[in-house]
Amino acid sequence: GKEREFVARIIWSSTNTRYADSVEGRFTISRDGARNTVYLQMN
């Protein structure tokens, strides 16, 4: 019943990250260059 909303993003080359206020401090976005994989750790 809700619209799709932003959670987090990462700029691949710089690893600069940004988070929605609702998840700041709880979620962490990261990437593994060798595996071409991005992760979202949710605590």
Full PDB file with SEQRES, HELIX, SHEET, SSBOND, CRYST1, ORIGX, SCALE, CONECT and MASTER records, all heavy atoms in Angstrom:
SEQRES   1 A   43  GLY LYS GLU ARG GLU PHE VAL ALA ARG ILE ILE TRP SER          
SEQRES   2 A   43  SER THR ASN THR ARG TYR ALA ASP SER VAL GLU GLY ARG          
SEQRES   3 A   43  PHE THR ILE SER ARG ASP GLY ALA ARG ASN THR VAL TYR          
SEQRES   4 A   43  LEU GLN MET ASN                                              
HELIX    1 AA1 GLY A   33  ARG A   35  5                                   3    
SHEET    1 AA1 2 ALA A   8  ILE A  10  0                                        
SHEET    2 AA1 2 THR A  17  TYR A  19 -1                                        
SHEET    1 AA2 2 PHE A  27  ASP A  32  0                                        
SHEET    2 AA2 2 THR A  37  MET A  42 -1                                        
CRYST1    1.000    1.000    1.000  90.00  90.00  90.00 P 1           1          
ORIGX1      1.000000  0.000000  0.000000        0.00000                         
ORIGX2      0.000000  1.000000  0.000000        0.00000                         
ORIGX3      0.000000  0.000000  1.000000        0.00000                         
SCALE1      1.000000  0.000000  0.000000        0.00000                         
SCALE2      0.000000  1.000000  0.000000        0.00000                         
SCALE3      0.000000  0.000000  1.000000        0.00000                         
ATOM      1  N   GLY A   1       0.770  -1.222   0.000  1.00  0.00           N  
ATOM      2  CA  GLY A   1       0.000   0.000   0.000  1.00  0.00           C  
ATOM      3  C   GLY A   1       0.808   1.282   0.000  1.00  0.00           C  
ATOM      4  O   GLY A   1       0.230   2.368   0.070  1.00  0.00           O  
ATOM      5  N   LYS A   2       2.126   1.178  -0.080  1.00  0.00           N  
ATOM      6  CA  LYS A   2       2.985   2.351  -0.067  1.00  0.00           C  
ATOM      7  C   LYS A   2       3.828   2.409  -1.331  1.00  0.00           C  
ATOM      8  O   LYS A   2       4.016   1.410  -2.016  1.00  0.00           O  
ATOM      9  CB  LYS A   2       3.895   2.343   1.160  1.00  0.00           C  
ATOM     10  CG  LYS A   2       3.170   2.367   2.493  1.00  0.00           C  
ATOM     11  CD  LYS A   2       4.136   2.465   3.650  1.00  0.00           C  
ATOM     12  CE  LYS A   2       4.857   3.798   3.666  1.00  0.00           C  
ATOM     13  NZ  LYS A   2       5.753   3.940   4.852  1.00  0.00           N  
ATOM     14  N   GLU A   3       4.321   3.600  -1.625  1.00  0.00           N  
ATOM     15  CA  GLU A   3       5.200   3.771  -2.769  1.00  0.00           C  
ATOM     16  C   GLU A   3       6.601   3.278  -2.442  1.00  0.00           C  
ATOM     17  O   GLU A   3       6.997   3.196  -1.277  1.00  0.00           O  
ATOM     18  CB  GLU A   3       5.241   5.238  -3.196  1.00  0.00           C  
ATOM     19  CG  GLU A   3       3.925   5.772  -3.725  1.00  0.00           C  
ATOM     20  CD  GLU A   3       4.058   7.163  -4.303  1.00  0.00           C  
ATOM     21  OE1 GLU A   3       5.198   7.601  -4.570  1.00  0.00           O  
ATOM     22  OE2 GLU A   3       3.026   7.808  -4.495  1.00  0.00           O  
ATOM     23  N   ARG A   4       7.335   2.957  -3.485  1.00  0.00           N  
ATOM     24  CA  ARG A   4       8.716   2.551  -3.307  1.00  0.00           C  
ATOM     25  C   ARG A   4       9.530   3.729  -2.777  1.00  0.00           C  
ATOM     26  O   ARG A   4       9.444   4.838  -3.292  1.00  0.00           O  
ATOM     27  CB  ARG A   4       9.282   2.059  -4.636  1.00  0.00           C  
ATOM     28  CG  ARG A   4      10.609   1.338  -4.513  1.00  0.00           C  
ATOM     29  CD  ARG A   4      10.945   0.609  -5.812  1.00  0.00           C  
ATOM     30  NE  ARG A   4       9.941  -0.395  -6.144  1.00  0.00           N  
ATOM     31  CZ  ARG A   4      10.036  -1.224  -7.176  1.00  0.00           C  
ATOM     32  NH1 ARG A   4      11.096  -1.176  -7.985  1.00  0.00           N  
ATOM     33  NH2 ARG A   4       9.076  -2.106  -7.411  1.00  0.00           N  
ATOM     34  N   GLU A   5      10.340   3.481  -1.740  1.00  0.00           N  
ATOM     35  CA  GLU A   5      11.077   4.549  -1.110  1.00  0.00           C  
ATOM     36  C   GLU A   5      12.567   4.242  -1.030  1.00  0.00           C  
ATOM     37  O   GLU A   5      12.986   3.089  -0.946  1.00  0.00           O  
ATOM     38  CB  GLU A   5      10.542   4.829   0.300  1.00  0.00           C  
ATOM     39  CG  GLU A   5      10.759   3.707   1.294  1.00  0.00           C  
ATOM     40  CD  GLU A   5      10.334   4.074   2.706  1.00  0.00           C  
ATOM     41  OE1 GLU A   5       9.921   5.222   2.940  1.00  0.00           O  
ATOM     42  OE2 GLU A   5      10.417   3.193   3.591  1.00  0.00           O  
ATOM     43  N   PHE A   6      13.340   5.302  -1.017  1.00  0.00           N  
ATOM     44  CA  PHE A   6      14.787   5.208  -0.930  1.00  0.00           C  
ATOM     45  C   PHE A   6      15.224   4.710   0.432  1.00  0.00           C  
ATOM     46  O   PHE A   6      14.671   5.111   1.462  1.00  0.00           O  
ATOM     47  CB  PHE A   6      15.392   6.585  -1.203  1.00  0.00           C  
ATOM     48  CG  PHE A   6      16.853   6.684  -0.891  1.00  0.00           C  
ATOM     49  CD1 PHE A   6      17.797   6.174  -1.762  1.00  0.00           C  
ATOM     50  CD2 PHE A   6      17.279   7.297   0.271  1.00  0.00           C  
ATOM     51  CE1 PHE A   6      19.151   6.267  -1.476  1.00  0.00           C  
ATOM     52  CE2 PHE A   6      18.625   7.403   0.569  1.00  0.00           C  
ATOM     53  CZ  PHE A   6      19.563   6.877  -0.316  1.00  0.00           C  
ATOM     54  N   VAL A   7      16.233   3.841   0.443  1.00  0.00           N  
ATOM     55  CA  VAL A   7      16.812   3.339   1.679  1.00  0.00           C  
ATOM     56  C   VAL A   7      18.272   3.768   1.816  1.00  0.00           C  
ATOM     57  O   VAL A   7      18.660   4.366   2.820  1.00  0.00           O  
ATOM     58  CB  VAL A   7      16.714   1.806   1.766  1.00  0.00           C  
ATOM     59  CG1 VAL A   7      17.428   1.293   3.016  1.00  0.00           C  
ATOM     60  CG2 VAL A   7      15.257   1.363   1.753  1.00  0.00           C  
ATOM     61  N   ALA A   8      19.080   3.466   0.813  1.00  0.00           N  
ATOM     62  CA  ALA A   8      20.503   3.785   0.856  1.00  0.00           C  
ATOM     63  C   ALA A   8      21.079   3.723  -0.543  1.00  0.00           C  
ATOM     64  O   ALA A   8      20.519   3.069  -1.420  1.00  0.00           O  
ATOM     65  CB  ALA A   8      21.252   2.815   1.777  1.00  0.00           C  
ATOM     66  N   ARG A   9      22.207   4.392  -0.755  1.00  0.00           N  
ATOM     67  CA  ARG A   9      22.912   4.294  -2.017  1.00  0.00           C  
ATOM     68  C   ARG A   9      24.407   4.422  -1.797  1.00  0.00           C  
ATOM     69  O   ARG A   9      24.855   4.974  -0.794  1.00  0.00           O  
ATOM     70  CB  ARG A   9      22.407   5.352  -3.021  1.00  0.00           C  
ATOM     71  CG  ARG A   9      22.837   6.780  -2.678  1.00  0.00           C  
ATOM     72  CD  ARG A   9      23.979   7.214  -3.595  1.00  0.00           C  
ATOM     73  NE  ARG A   9      24.289   8.637  -3.440  1.00  0.00           N  
ATOM     74  CZ  ARG A   9      25.279   9.114  -2.665  1.00  0.00           C  
ATOM     75  NH1 ARG A   9      26.049   8.294  -1.970  1.00  0.00           N  
ATOM     76  NH2 ARG A   9      25.490  10.423  -2.603  1.00  0.00           N  
ATOM     77  N   ILE A  10      25.172   3.891  -2.739  1.00  0.00           N  
ATOM     78  CA  ILE A  10      26.618   3.976  -2.686  1.00  0.00           C  
ATOM     79  C   ILE A  10      27.150   4.290  -4.075  1.00  0.00           C  
ATOM     80  O   ILE A  10      26.722   3.692  -5.062  1.00  0.00           O  
ATOM     81  CB  ILE A  10      27.243   2.679  -2.117  1.00  0.00           C  
ATOM     82  CG1 ILE A  10      28.756   2.814  -1.977  1.00  0.00           C  
ATOM     83  CG2 ILE A  10      26.886   1.464  -2.965  1.00  0.00           C  
ATOM     84  CD1 ILE A  10      29.385   1.686  -1.154  1.00  0.00           C  
ATOM     85  N   ILE A  11      28.050   5.247  -4.151  1.00  0.00           N  
ATOM     86  CA  ILE A  11      28.764   5.529  -5.393  1.00  0.00           C  
ATOM     87  C   ILE A  11      29.906   4.532  -5.476  1.00  0.00           C  
ATOM     88  O   ILE A  11      30.759   4.479  -4.589  1.00  0.00           O  
ATOM     89  CB  ILE A  11      29.284   6.971  -5.421  1.00  0.00           C  
ATOM     90  CG1 ILE A  11      28.123   7.957  -5.274  1.00  0.00           C  
ATOM     91  CG2 ILE A  11      30.062   7.244  -6.708  1.00  0.00           C  
ATOM     92  CD1 ILE A  11      28.560   9.396  -5.086  1.00  0.00           C  
ATOM     93  N   TRP A  12      29.889   3.719  -6.518  1.00  0.00           N  
ATOM     94  CA  TRP A  12      30.804   2.589  -6.584  1.00  0.00           C  
ATOM     95  C   TRP A  12      32.261   3.005  -6.461  1.00  0.00           C  
ATOM     96  O   TRP A  12      33.023   2.423  -5.696  1.00  0.00           O  
ATOM     97  CB  TRP A  12      30.586   1.795  -7.869  1.00  0.00           C  
ATOM     98  CG  TRP A  12      31.282   0.477  -7.851  1.00  0.00           C  
ATOM     99  CD1 TRP A  12      32.550   0.206  -8.282  1.00  0.00           C  
ATOM    100  CD2 TRP A  12      30.755  -0.750  -7.345  1.00  0.00           C  
ATOM    101  NE1 TRP A  12      32.843  -1.118  -8.076  1.00  0.00           N  
ATOM    102  CE2 TRP A  12      31.768  -1.733  -7.510  1.00  0.00           C  
ATOM    103  CE3 TRP A  12      29.532  -1.121  -6.781  1.00  0.00           C  
ATOM    104  CZ2 TRP A  12      31.576  -3.053  -7.115  1.00  0.00           C  
ATOM    105  CZ3 TRP A  12      29.345  -2.433  -6.394  1.00  0.00           C  
ATOM    106  CH2 TRP A  12      30.369  -3.378  -6.567  1.00  0.00           C  
ATOM    107  N   SER A  13      32.664   4.009  -7.235  1.00  0.00           N  
ATOM    108  CA  SER A  13      34.075   4.355  -7.324  1.00  0.00           C  
ATOM    109  C   SER A  13      34.615   4.963  -6.031  1.00  0.00           C  
ATOM    110  O   SER A  13      35.740   4.644  -5.623  1.00  0.00           O  
ATOM    111  CB  SER A  13      34.314   5.313  -8.491  1.00  0.00           C  
ATOM    112  OG  SER A  13      33.551   6.496  -8.345  1.00  0.00           O  
ATOM    113  N   SER A  14      33.839   5.814  -5.393  1.00  0.00           N  
ATOM    114  CA  SER A  14      34.305   6.514  -4.205  1.00  0.00           C  
ATOM    115  C   SER A  14      33.862   5.859  -2.901  1.00  0.00           C  
ATOM    116  O   SER A  14      34.417   6.172  -1.844  1.00  0.00           O  
ATOM    117  CB  SER A  14      33.822   7.959  -4.212  1.00  0.00           C  
ATOM    118  OG  SER A  14      32.418   8.022  -4.057  1.00  0.00           O  
ATOM    119  N   THR A  15      32.870   4.992  -2.969  1.00  0.00           N  
ATOM    120  CA  THR A  15      32.196   4.370  -1.825  1.00  0.00           C  
ATOM    121  C   THR A  15      31.469   5.386  -0.945  1.00  0.00           C  
ATOM    122  O   THR A  15      31.102   5.076   0.191  1.00  0.00           O  
ATOM    123  CB  THR A  15      33.133   3.496  -0.965  1.00  0.00           C  
ATOM    124  OG1 THR A  15      34.068   4.309  -0.242  1.00  0.00           O  
ATOM    125  CG2 THR A  15      33.868   2.497  -1.829  1.00  0.00           C  
ATOM    126  N   ASN A  16      31.239   6.581  -1.470  1.00  0.00           N  
ATOM    127  CA  ASN A  16      30.420   7.548  -0.765  1.00  0.00           C  
ATOM    128  C   ASN A  16      29.023   6.978  -0.558  1.00  0.00           C  
ATOM    129  O   ASN A  16      28.437   6.418  -1.487  1.00  0.00           O  
ATOM    130  CB  ASN A  16      30.360   8.846  -1.558  1.00  0.00           C  
ATOM    131  CG  ASN A  16      29.410   9.862  -0.952  1.00  0.00           C  
ATOM    132  OD1 ASN A  16      28.219   9.887  -1.274  1.00  0.00           O  
ATOM    133  ND2 ASN A  16      29.932  10.701  -0.078  1.00  0.00           N  
ATOM    134  N   THR A  17      28.494   7.124   0.649  1.00  0.00           N  
ATOM    135  CA  THR A  17      27.194   6.549   0.981  1.00  0.00           C  
ATOM    136  C   THR A  17      26.213   7.604   1.457  1.00  0.00           C  
ATOM    137  O   THR A  17      26.597   8.678   1.941  1.00  0.00           O  
ATOM    138  CB  THR A  17      27.330   5.474   2.067  1.00  0.00           C  
ATOM    139  OG1 THR A  17      27.904   6.056   3.244  1.00  0.00           O  
ATOM    140  CG2 THR A  17      28.212   4.326   1.591  1.00  0.00           C  
ATOM    141  N   ARG A  18      24.938   7.277   1.328  1.00  0.00           N  
ATOM    142  CA  ARG A  18      23.867   8.123   1.815  1.00  0.00           C  
ATOM    143  C   ARG A  18      22.716   7.236   2.258  1.00  0.00           C  
ATOM    144  O   ARG A  18      22.460   6.186   1.669  1.00  0.00           O  
ATOM    145  CB  ARG A  18      23.423   9.113   0.742  1.00  0.00           C  
ATOM    146  CG  ARG A  18      22.343  10.087   1.195  1.00  0.00           C  
ATOM    147  CD  ARG A  18      22.228  11.239   0.236  1.00  0.00           C  
ATOM    148  NE  ARG A  18      23.432  12.074   0.262  1.00  0.00           N  
ATOM    149  CZ  ARG A  18      23.645  13.103  -0.530  1.00  0.00           C  
ATOM    150  NH1 ARG A  18      22.735  13.448  -1.429  1.00  0.00           N  
ATOM    151  NH2 ARG A  18      24.776  13.793  -0.432  1.00  0.00           N  
ATOM    152  N   TYR A  19      22.003   7.674   3.304  1.00  0.00           N  
ATOM    153  CA  TYR A  19      20.951   6.865   3.887  1.00  0.00           C  
ATOM    154  C   TYR A  19      19.678   7.672   4.101  1.00  0.00           C  
ATOM    155  O   TYR A  19      19.725   8.890   4.320  1.00  0.00           O  
ATOM    156  CB  TYR A  19      21.386   6.304   5.242  1.00  0.00           C  
ATOM    157  CG  TYR A  19      22.595   5.416   5.175  1.00  0.00           C  
ATOM    158  CD1 TYR A  19      23.870   5.945   5.330  1.00  0.00           C  
ATOM    159  CD2 TYR A  19      22.461   4.054   4.952  1.00  0.00           C  
ATOM    160  CE1 TYR A  19      24.985   5.126   5.260  1.00  0.00           C  
ATOM    161  CE2 TYR A  19      23.570   3.236   4.879  1.00  0.00           C  
ATOM    162  CZ  TYR A  19      24.831   3.776   5.037  1.00  0.00           C  
ATOM    163  OH  TYR A  19      25.933   2.962   4.964  1.00  0.00           O  
ATOM    164  N   ALA A  20      18.559   6.979   4.050  1.00  0.00           N  
ATOM    165  CA  ALA A  20      17.318   7.586   4.486  1.00  0.00           C  
ATOM    166  C   ALA A  20      17.373   7.819   5.992  1.00  0.00           C  
ATOM    167  O   ALA A  20      17.995   7.050   6.731  1.00  0.00           O  
ATOM    168  CB  ALA A  20      16.135   6.687   4.140  1.00  0.00           C  
ATOM    169  N   ASP A  21      16.710   8.876   6.443  1.00  0.00           N  
ATOM    170  CA  ASP A  21      16.709   9.178   7.871  1.00  0.00           C  
ATOM    171  C   ASP A  21      16.182   8.010   8.702  1.00  0.00           C  
ATOM    172  O   ASP A  21      16.639   7.775   9.824  1.00  0.00           O  
ATOM    173  CB  ASP A  21      15.865  10.423   8.148  1.00  0.00           C  
ATOM    174  CG  ASP A  21      16.506  11.697   7.630  1.00  0.00           C  
ATOM    175  OD1 ASP A  21      17.715  11.694   7.330  1.00  0.00           O  
ATOM    176  OD2 ASP A  21      15.788  12.713   7.534  1.00  0.00           O  
ATOM    177  N   SER A  22      15.243   7.278   8.158  1.00  0.00           N  
ATOM    178  CA  SER A  22      14.603   6.204   8.898  1.00  0.00           C  
ATOM    179  C   SER A  22      15.533   5.027   9.186  1.00  0.00           C  
ATOM    180  O   SER A  22      15.243   4.226  10.079  1.00  0.00           O  
ATOM    181  CB  SER A  22      13.368   5.708   8.144  1.00  0.00           C  
ATOM    182  OG  SER A  22      13.718   5.251   6.854  1.00  0.00           O  
ATOM    183  N   VAL A  23      16.637   4.912   8.443  1.00  0.00           N  
ATOM    184  CA  VAL A  23      17.550   3.786   8.639  1.00  0.00           C  
ATOM    185  C   VAL A  23      18.938   4.228   9.069  1.00  0.00           C  
ATOM    186  O   VAL A  23      19.787   3.369   9.361  1.00  0.00           O  
ATOM    187  CB  VAL A  23      17.651   2.917   7.371  1.00  0.00           C  
ATOM    188  CG1 VAL A  23      16.268   2.481   6.914  1.00  0.00           C  
ATOM    189  CG2 VAL A  23      18.385   3.656   6.259  1.00  0.00           C  
ATOM    190  N   GLU A  24      19.187   5.511   9.120  1.00  0.00           N  
ATOM    191  CA  GLU A  24      20.497   6.033   9.502  1.00  0.00           C  
ATOM    192  C   GLU A  24      20.912   5.486  10.862  1.00  0.00           C  
ATOM    193  O   GLU A  24      20.148   5.528  11.824  1.00  0.00           O  
ATOM    194  CB  GLU A  24      20.460   7.557   9.534  1.00  0.00           C  
ATOM    195  CG  GLU A  24      21.790   8.217   9.879  1.00  0.00           C  
ATOM    196  CD  GLU A  24      22.756   8.183   8.722  1.00  0.00           C  
ATOM    197  OE1 GLU A  24      22.361   8.558   7.599  1.00  0.00           O  
ATOM    198  OE2 GLU A  24      23.923   7.780   8.933  1.00  0.00           O  
ATOM    199  N   GLY A  25      22.121   4.960  10.928  1.00  0.00           N  
ATOM    200  CA  GLY A  25      22.637   4.410  12.162  1.00  0.00           C  
ATOM    201  C   GLY A  25      22.312   2.949  12.382  1.00  0.00           C  
ATOM    202  O   GLY A  25      22.906   2.313  13.263  1.00  0.00           O  
ATOM    203  N   ARG A  26      21.376   2.412  11.612  1.00  0.00           N  
ATOM    204  CA  ARG A  26      21.005   1.003  11.737  1.00  0.00           C  
ATOM    205  C   ARG A  26      21.428   0.176  10.537  1.00  0.00           C  
ATOM    206  O   ARG A  26      21.776  -0.995  10.692  1.00  0.00           O  
ATOM    207  CB  ARG A  26      19.491   0.864  11.927  1.00  0.00           C  
ATOM    208  CG  ARG A  26      18.959   1.550  13.175  1.00  0.00           C  
ATOM    209  CD  ARG A  26      17.491   1.204  13.413  1.00  0.00           C  
ATOM    210  NE  ARG A  26      16.637   1.687  12.331  1.00  0.00           N  
ATOM    211  CZ  ARG A  26      15.869   0.907  11.570  1.00  0.00           C  
ATOM    212  NH1 ARG A  26      15.834  -0.403  11.793  1.00  0.00           N  
ATOM    213  NH2 ARG A  26      15.125   1.423  10.606  1.00  0.00           N  
ATOM    214  N   PHE A  27      21.383   0.769   9.353  1.00  0.00           N  
ATOM    215  CA  PHE A  27      21.724   0.068   8.120  1.00  0.00           C  
ATOM    216  C   PHE A  27      23.070   0.556   7.605  1.00  0.00           C  
ATOM    217  O   PHE A  27      23.428   1.733   7.768  1.00  0.00           O  
ATOM    218  CB  PHE A  27      20.677   0.315   7.033  1.00  0.00           C  
ATOM    219  CG  PHE A  27      19.330  -0.306   7.293  1.00  0.00           C  
ATOM    220  CD1 PHE A  27      19.010  -0.879   8.509  1.00  0.00           C  
ATOM    221  CD2 PHE A  27      18.383  -0.312   6.277  1.00  0.00           C  
ATOM    222  CE1 PHE A  27      17.765  -1.445   8.736  1.00  0.00           C  
ATOM    223  CE2 PHE A  27      17.135  -0.881   6.489  1.00  0.00           C  
ATOM    224  CZ  PHE A  27      16.819  -1.445   7.709  1.00  0.00           C  
ATOM    225  N   THR A  28      23.800  -0.332   6.945  1.00  0.00           N  
ATOM    226  CA  THR A  28      25.070   0.017   6.326  1.00  0.00           C  
ATOM    227  C   THR A  28      25.122  -0.561   4.924  1.00  0.00           C  
ATOM    228  O   THR A  28      24.931  -1.767   4.745  1.00  0.00           O  
ATOM    229  CB  THR A  28      26.260  -0.507   7.139  1.00  0.00           C  
ATOM    230  OG1 THR A  28      26.214   0.022   8.469  1.00  0.00           O  
ATOM    231  CG2 THR A  28      27.573  -0.082   6.483  1.00  0.00           C  
ATOM    232  N   ILE A  29      25.378   0.285   3.939  1.00  0.00           N  
ATOM    233  CA  ILE A  29      25.559  -0.171   2.574  1.00  0.00           C  
ATOM    234  C   ILE A  29      27.049  -0.241   2.278  1.00  0.00           C  
ATOM    235  O   ILE A  29      27.820   0.623   2.693  1.00  0.00           O  
ATOM    236  CB  ILE A  29      24.821   0.735   1.566  1.00  0.00           C  
ATOM    237  CG1 ILE A  29      24.846   0.130   0.162  1.00  0.00           C  
ATOM    238  CG2 ILE A  29      25.381   2.151   1.575  1.00  0.00           C  
ATOM    239  CD1 ILE A  29      23.942   0.856  -0.832  1.00  0.00           C  
ATOM    240  N   SER A  30      27.458  -1.284   1.578  1.00  0.00           N  
ATOM    241  CA  SER A  30      28.854  -1.458   1.222  1.00  0.00           C  
ATOM    242  C   SER A  30      28.937  -2.227  -0.083  1.00  0.00           C  
ATOM    243  O   SER A  30      27.928  -2.715  -0.597  1.00  0.00           O  
ATOM    244  CB  SER A  30      29.621  -2.187   2.332  1.00  0.00           C  
ATOM    245  OG  SER A  30      29.089  -3.489   2.540  1.00  0.00           O  
ATOM    246  N   ARG A  31      30.144  -2.331  -0.623  1.00  0.00           N  
ATOM    247  CA  ARG A  31      30.302  -3.080  -1.857  1.00  0.00           C  
ATOM    248  C   ARG A  31      31.599  -3.864  -1.856  1.00  0.00           C  
ATOM    249  O   ARG A  31      32.560  -3.524  -1.160  1.00  0.00           O  
ATOM    250  CB  ARG A  31      30.203  -2.170  -3.092  1.00  0.00           C  
ATOM    251  CG  ARG A  31      31.145  -0.957  -3.126  1.00  0.00           C  
ATOM    252  CD  ARG A  31      32.501  -1.301  -3.622  1.00  0.00           C  
ATOM    253  NE  ARG A  31      33.238  -0.139  -4.101  1.00  0.00           N  
ATOM    254  CZ  ARG A  31      34.541  -0.155  -4.375  1.00  0.00           C  
ATOM    255  NH1 ARG A  31      35.253  -1.277  -4.213  1.00  0.00           N  
ATOM    256  NH2 ARG A  31      35.135   0.936  -4.820  1.00  0.00           N  
ATOM    257  N   ASP A  32      31.612  -4.924  -2.645  1.00  0.00           N  
ATOM    258  CA  ASP A  32      32.772  -5.771  -2.844  1.00  0.00           C  
ATOM    259  C   ASP A  32      33.133  -5.670  -4.312  1.00  0.00           C  
ATOM    260  O   ASP A  32      32.434  -6.210  -5.171  1.00  0.00           O  
ATOM    261  CB  ASP A  32      32.463  -7.212  -2.445  1.00  0.00           C  
ATOM    262  CG  ASP A  32      33.670  -8.121  -2.530  1.00  0.00           C  
ATOM    263  OD1 ASP A  32      34.558  -7.881  -3.361  1.00  0.00           O  
ATOM    264  OD2 ASP A  32      33.716  -9.095  -1.756  1.00  0.00           O  
ATOM    265  N   GLY A  33      34.222  -4.961  -4.602  1.00  0.00           N  
ATOM    266  CA  GLY A  33      34.607  -4.729  -5.983  1.00  0.00           C  
ATOM    267  C   GLY A  33      34.938  -6.008  -6.739  1.00  0.00           C  
ATOM    268  O   GLY A  33      34.614  -6.133  -7.922  1.00  0.00           O  
ATOM    269  N   ALA A  34      35.578  -6.952  -6.071  1.00  0.00           N  
ATOM    270  CA  ALA A  34      35.977  -8.190  -6.731  1.00  0.00           C  
ATOM    271  C   ALA A  34      34.774  -9.025  -7.134  1.00  0.00           C  
ATOM    272  O   ALA A  34      34.838  -9.780  -8.108  1.00  0.00           O  
ATOM    273  CB  ALA A  34      36.901  -8.991  -5.828  1.00  0.00           C  
ATOM    274  N   ARG A  35      33.686  -8.915  -6.394  1.00  0.00           N  
ATOM    275  CA  ARG A  35      32.501  -9.717  -6.649  1.00  0.00           C  
ATOM    276  C   ARG A  35      31.380  -8.950  -7.333  1.00  0.00           C  
ATOM    277  O   ARG A  35      30.325  -9.523  -7.601  1.00  0.00           O  
ATOM    278  CB  ARG A  35      31.982 -10.317  -5.349  1.00  0.00           C  
ATOM    279  CG  ARG A  35      32.963 -11.258  -4.685  1.00  0.00           C  
ATOM    280  CD  ARG A  35      32.430 -11.797  -3.379  1.00  0.00           C  
ATOM    281  NE  ARG A  35      33.363 -12.740  -2.771  1.00  0.00           N  
ATOM    282  CZ  ARG A  35      33.172 -13.333  -1.602  1.00  0.00           C  
ATOM    283  NH1 ARG A  35      32.070 -13.084  -0.905  1.00  0.00           N  
ATOM    284  NH2 ARG A  35      34.079 -14.169  -1.128  1.00  0.00           N  
ATOM    285  N   ASN A  36      31.591  -7.665  -7.610  1.00  0.00           N  
ATOM    286  CA  ASN A  36      30.542  -6.827  -8.200  1.00  0.00           C  
ATOM    287  C   ASN A  36      29.237  -6.973  -7.424  1.00  0.00           C  
ATOM    288  O   ASN A  36      28.159  -7.142  -8.006  1.00  0.00           O  
ATOM    289  CB  ASN A  36      30.329  -7.155  -9.677  1.00  0.00           C  
ATOM    290  CG  ASN A  36      31.220  -6.339 -10.589  1.00  0.00           C  
ATOM    291  OD1 ASN A  36      30.768  -5.381 -11.218  1.00  0.00           O  
ATOM    292  ND2 ASN A  36      32.493  -6.706 -10.653  1.00  0.00           N  
ATOM    293  N   THR A  37      29.350  -6.873  -6.117  1.00  0.00           N  
ATOM    294  CA  THR A  37      28.215  -7.096  -5.234  1.00  0.00           C  
ATOM    295  C   THR A  37      28.090  -5.944  -4.248  1.00  0.00           C  
ATOM    296  O   THR A  37      29.097  -5.475  -3.706  1.00  0.00           O  
ATOM    297  CB  THR A  37      28.362  -8.416  -4.476  1.00  0.00           C  
ATOM    298  OG1 THR A  37      28.414  -9.499  -5.410  1.00  0.00           O  
ATOM    299  CG2 THR A  37      27.205  -8.636  -3.516  1.00  0.00           C  
ATOM    300  N   VAL A  38      26.875  -5.506  -4.023  1.00  0.00           N  
ATOM    301  CA  VAL A  38      26.584  -4.498  -3.016  1.00  0.00           C  
ATOM    302  C   VAL A  38      25.780  -5.153  -1.905  1.00  0.00           C  
ATOM    303  O   VAL A  38      24.954  -6.036  -2.161  1.00  0.00           O  
ATOM    304  CB  VAL A  38      25.841  -3.286  -3.623  1.00  0.00           C  
ATOM    305  CG1 VAL A  38      24.480  -3.684  -4.165  1.00  0.00           C  
ATOM    306  CG2 VAL A  38      25.703  -2.176  -2.589  1.00  0.00           C  
ATOM    307  N   TYR A  39      26.030  -4.738  -0.671  1.00  0.00           N  
ATOM    308  CA  TYR A  39      25.390  -5.322   0.492  1.00  0.00           C  
ATOM    309  C   TYR A  39      24.602  -4.269   1.253  1.00  0.00           C  
ATOM    310  O   TYR A  39      24.907  -3.083   1.216  1.00  0.00           O  
ATOM    311  CB  TYR A  39      26.425  -5.931   1.438  1.00  0.00           C  
ATOM    312  CG  TYR A  39      27.266  -7.008   0.805  1.00  0.00           C  
ATOM    313  CD1 TYR A  39      28.500  -6.710   0.238  1.00  0.00           C  
ATOM    314  CD2 TYR A  39      26.828  -8.326   0.773  1.00  0.00           C  
ATOM    315  CE1 TYR A  39      29.275  -7.695  -0.343  1.00  0.00           C  
ATOM    316  CE2 TYR A  39      27.591  -9.316   0.193  1.00  0.00           C  
ATOM    317  CZ  TYR A  39      28.819  -8.994  -0.365  1.00  0.00           C  
ATOM    318  OH  TYR A  39      29.579  -9.979  -0.943  1.00  0.00           O  
ATOM    319  N   LEU A  40      23.603  -4.728   1.955  1.00  0.00           N  
ATOM    320  CA  LEU A  40      22.888  -3.886   2.894  1.00  0.00           C  
ATOM    321  C   LEU A  40      22.808  -4.636   4.216  1.00  0.00           C  
ATOM    322  O   LEU A  40      22.043  -5.593   4.346  1.00  0.00           O  
ATOM    323  CB  LEU A  40      21.484  -3.533   2.397  1.00  0.00           C  
ATOM    324  CG  LEU A  40      20.712  -2.542   3.269  1.00  0.00           C  
ATOM    325  CD1 LEU A  40      21.356  -1.159   3.208  1.00  0.00           C  
ATOM    326  CD2 LEU A  40      19.248  -2.456   2.845  1.00  0.00           C  
ATOM    327  N   GLN A  41      23.629  -4.223   5.162  1.00  0.00           N  
ATOM    328  CA  GLN A  41      23.598  -4.795   6.500  1.00  0.00           C  
ATOM    329  C   GLN A  41      22.534  -4.069   7.298  1.00  0.00           C  
ATOM    330  O   GLN A  41      22.611  -2.850   7.480  1.00  0.00           O  
ATOM    331  CB  GLN A  41      24.956  -4.658   7.180  1.00  0.00           C  
ATOM    332  CG  GLN A  41      25.004  -5.204   8.600  1.00  0.00           C  
ATOM    333  CD  GLN A  41      24.823  -6.699   8.662  1.00  0.00           C  
ATOM    334  OE1 GLN A  41      25.452  -7.422   7.907  1.00  0.00           O  
ATOM    335  NE2 GLN A  41      23.955  -7.164   9.560  1.00  0.00           N  
ATOM    336  N   MET A  42      21.543  -4.795   7.781  1.00  0.00           N  
ATOM    337  CA  MET A  42      20.418  -4.218   8.490  1.00  0.00           C  
ATOM    338  C   MET A  42      20.437  -4.715   9.926  1.00  0.00           C  
ATOM    339  O   MET A  42      20.262  -5.911  10.177  1.00  0.00           O  
ATOM    340  CB  MET A  42      19.097  -4.579   7.813  1.00  0.00           C  
ATOM    341  CG  MET A  42      19.050  -4.203   6.337  1.00  0.00           C  
ATOM    342  SD  MET A  42      17.422  -4.514   5.595  1.00  0.00           S  
ATOM    343  CE  MET A  42      17.370  -6.304   5.715  1.00  0.00           C  
ATOM    344  N   ASN A  43      20.650  -3.807  10.856  1.00  0.00           N  
ATOM    345  CA  ASN A  43      20.674  -4.125  12.273  1.00  0.00           C  
ATOM    346  C   ASN A  43      19.524  -3.435  12.989  1.00  0.00           C  
ATOM    347  O   ASN A  43      18.930  -2.488  12.479  1.00  0.00           O  
ATOM    348  CB  ASN A  43      22.004  -3.688  12.897  1.00  0.00           C  
ATOM    349  CG  ASN A  43      23.199  -4.381  12.308  1.00  0.00           C  
ATOM    350  OD1 ASN A  43      23.136  -5.547  11.933  1.00  0.00           O  
ATOM    351  ND2 ASN A  43      24.326  -3.666  12.233  1.00  0.00           N  
TER     352      ASN A  43                                                      
MASTER        0    0    0    1    4    0    0    6  351    1    0    4          
END                                                                             
